[in-house]
Amino acid sequence: MEKYISVADAKSCALARHSDPIIRSAIYGVLDDTPAAEVAPMVPGRWDPSSSYYGFRCCSVCGGTIQFDDDDVWPFCPRCGHPMEVEPQ
């Protein structure tokens, strides 16, 4: 899985770790010249308990149906891997 970072955070890290202005300038140049990826923030899915079968819930992202025990809490969908909102107990 790819990891996306904030350029401003990367520059702050370079500023904190490197006192040499030439090294900092080189790092800043690489960061500024790197094309940006179009990413959207991850929005958690949710378990839909309104399934027609008792004990089953449906993933709001992939539509996969998972059987739950009463005490089960799945923080992600085991079918698509999407993180889920976990209701506080």
C-alpha atoms as a PDB file:
ATOM      1  CA  MET A   1       0.000   0.000   0.000  1.00  0.00           C
ATOM      2  CA  GLU A   2       1.321   3.408  -0.885  1.00  0.00           C
ATOM      3  CA  LYS A   3       1.805   6.059   1.773  1.00  0.00           C
ATOM      4  CA  TYR A   4       1.014   9.704   1.094  1.00  0.00           C
ATOM      5  CA  ILE A   5       2.627  12.526   3.053  1.00  0.00           C
ATOM      6  CA  SER A   6       2.221  16.253   3.414  1.00  0.00           C
ATOM      7  CA  VAL A   7       4.991  18.248   1.701  1.00  0.00           C
ATOM      8  CA  ALA A   8       4.817  20.843   4.488  1.00  0.00           C
ATOM      9  CA  ASP A   9       5.335  18.114   7.118  1.00  0.00           C
ATOM     10  CA  ALA A  10       8.262  16.652   5.158  1.00  0.00           C
ATOM     11  CA  LYS A  11       9.877  20.089   4.907  1.00  0.00           C
ATOM     12  CA  SER A  12       9.428  20.642   8.655  1.00  0.00           C
ATOM     13  CA  CYS A  13      11.078  17.284   9.309  1.00  0.00           C
ATOM     14  CA  ALA A  14      14.005  18.192   7.014  1.00  0.00           C
ATOM     15  CA  LEU A  15      14.361  21.534   8.784  1.00  0.00           C
ATOM     16  CA  ALA A  16      14.484  19.825  12.185  1.00  0.00           C
ATOM     17  CA  ARG A  17      16.944  17.103  11.143  1.00  0.00           C
ATOM     18  CA  HIS A  18      19.359  18.907   8.832  1.00  0.00           C
ATOM     19  CA  SER A  19      21.186  22.083   9.771  1.00  0.00           C
ATOM     20  CA  ASP A  20      23.122  22.278   6.495  1.00  0.00           C
ATOM     21  CA  PRO A  21      21.255  24.724   4.202  1.00  0.00           C
ATOM     22  CA  ILE A  22      22.559  22.948   1.067  1.00  0.00           C
ATOM     23  CA  ILE A  23      21.070  19.615   2.148  1.00  0.00           C
ATOM     24  CA  ARG A  24      17.795  21.298   3.131  1.00  0.00           C
ATOM     25  CA  SER A  25      17.641  23.093  -0.201  1.00  0.00           C
ATOM     26  CA  ALA A  26      18.188  19.817  -2.069  1.00  0.00           C
ATOM     27  CA  ILE A  27      15.437  18.087  -0.076  1.00  0.00           C
ATOM     28  CA  TYR A  28      13.058  20.995  -0.614  1.00  0.00           C
ATOM     29  CA  GLY A  29      13.821  20.924  -4.349  1.00  0.00           C
ATOM     30  CA  VAL A  30      13.026  17.213  -4.609  1.00  0.00           C
ATOM     31  CA  LEU A  31       9.791  17.667  -2.676  1.00  0.00           C
ATOM     32  CA  ASP A  32       8.718  20.654  -4.761  1.00  0.00           C
ATOM     33  CA  ASP A  33       9.522  18.882  -8.062  1.00  0.00           C
ATOM     34  CA  THR A  34       7.688  15.660  -7.207  1.00  0.00           C
ATOM     35  CA  PRO A  35       4.272  15.524  -8.891  1.00  0.00           C
ATOM     36  CA  ALA A  36       1.353  15.433  -6.493  1.00  0.00           C
ATOM     37  CA  ALA A  37      -0.912  12.430  -6.336  1.00  0.00           C
ATOM     38  CA  GLU A  38      -4.652  12.915  -6.368  1.00  0.00           C
ATOM     39  CA  VAL A  39      -5.814  11.325  -3.147  1.00  0.00           C
ATOM     40  CA  ALA A  40      -8.984  11.582  -1.129  1.00  0.00           C
ATOM     41  CA  PRO A  41      -9.177  11.274   2.632  1.00  0.00           C
ATOM     42  CA  MET A  42     -10.152   7.815   3.878  1.00  0.00           C
ATOM     43  CA  VAL A  43     -13.760   7.829   4.986  1.00  0.00           C
ATOM     44  CA  PRO A  44     -14.586   4.907   7.267  1.00  0.00           C
ATOM     45  CA  GLY A  45     -17.294   2.527   6.151  1.00  0.00           C
ATOM     46  CA  ARG A  46     -20.004   1.257   8.438  1.00  0.00           C
ATOM     47  CA  TRP A  47     -21.734  -1.987   9.223  1.00  0.00           C
ATOM     48  CA  ASP A  48     -25.376  -1.952   8.143  1.00  0.00           C
ATOM     49  CA  PRO A  49     -27.370  -4.034  10.647  1.00  0.00           C
ATOM     50  CA  SER A  50     -30.529  -3.876   8.553  1.00  0.00           C
ATOM     51  CA  SER A  51     -29.712  -7.117   6.760  1.00  0.00           C
ATOM     52  CA  SER A  52     -32.595  -9.489   6.247  1.00  0.00           C
ATOM     53  CA  TYR A  53     -30.803 -12.288   8.103  1.00  0.00           C
ATOM     54  CA  TYR A  54     -30.376 -12.306  11.872  1.00  0.00           C
ATOM     55  CA  GLY A  55     -26.747 -11.924  12.959  1.00  0.00           C
ATOM     56  CA  PHE A  56     -25.503 -10.655   9.603  1.00  0.00           C
ATOM     57  CA  ARG A  57     -24.322  -7.177   8.710  1.00  0.00           C
ATOM     58  CA  CYS A  58     -23.493  -5.650   5.371  1.00  0.00           C
ATOM     59  CA  CYS A  59     -20.356  -3.594   4.542  1.00  0.00           C
ATOM     60  CA  SER A  60     -21.336  -0.140   3.251  1.00  0.00           C
ATOM     61  CA  VAL A  61     -18.305  -0.137   0.910  1.00  0.00           C
ATOM     62  CA  CYS A  62     -18.282  -3.522  -0.861  1.00  0.00           C
ATOM     63  CA  GLY A  63     -21.718  -4.839   0.082  1.00  0.00           C
ATOM     64  CA  GLY A  64     -20.220  -8.026   1.503  1.00  0.00           C
ATOM     65  CA  THR A  65     -22.273  -9.750   4.179  1.00  0.00           C
ATOM     66  CA  ILE A  66     -20.543 -10.863   7.383  1.00  0.00           C
ATOM     67  CA  GLN A  67     -22.002 -12.940  10.207  1.00  0.00           C
ATOM     68  CA  PHE A  68     -21.580 -11.350  13.632  1.00  0.00           C
ATOM     69  CA  ASP A  69     -21.930 -12.709  17.120  1.00  0.00           C
ATOM     70  CA  ASP A  70     -23.470 -10.269  19.598  1.00  0.00           C
ATOM     71  CA  ASP A  71     -20.067  -9.287  21.019  1.00  0.00           C
ATOM     72  CA  ASP A  72     -18.144  -9.082  17.728  1.00  0.00           C
ATOM     73  CA  VAL A  73     -16.649  -5.763  16.686  1.00  0.00           C
ATOM     74  CA  TRP A  74     -14.852  -5.766  13.343  1.00  0.00           C
ATOM     75  CA  PRO A  75     -12.693  -2.617  12.852  1.00  0.00           C
ATOM     76  CA  PHE A  76     -12.352  -3.458   9.135  1.00  0.00           C
ATOM     77  CA  CYS A  77     -14.217  -5.444   6.503  1.00  0.00           C
ATOM     78  CA  PRO A  78     -12.551  -8.853   6.085  1.00  0.00           C
ATOM     79  CA  ARG A  79     -13.751  -8.964   2.466  1.00  0.00           C
ATOM     80  CA  CYS A  80     -12.524  -5.599   1.102  1.00  0.00           C
ATOM     81  CA  GLY A  81     -10.213  -4.476   3.937  1.00  0.00           C
ATOM     82  CA  HIS A  82     -11.849  -1.063   4.291  1.00  0.00           C
ATOM     83  CA  PRO A  83     -11.703   0.387   7.835  1.00  0.00           C
ATOM     84  CA  MET A  84     -15.020   0.646   9.613  1.00  0.00           C
ATOM     85  CA  GLU A  85     -16.452   3.050  12.148  1.00  0.00           C
ATOM     86  CA  VAL A  86     -16.509   1.177  15.415  1.00  0.00           C
ATOM     87  CA  GLU A  87     -19.281   2.274  17.712  1.00  0.00           C
ATOM     88  CA  PRO A  88     -18.099   2.965  21.273  1.00  0.00           C
ATOM     89  CA  GLN A  89     -19.345   0.448  23.787  1.00  0.00           C
END
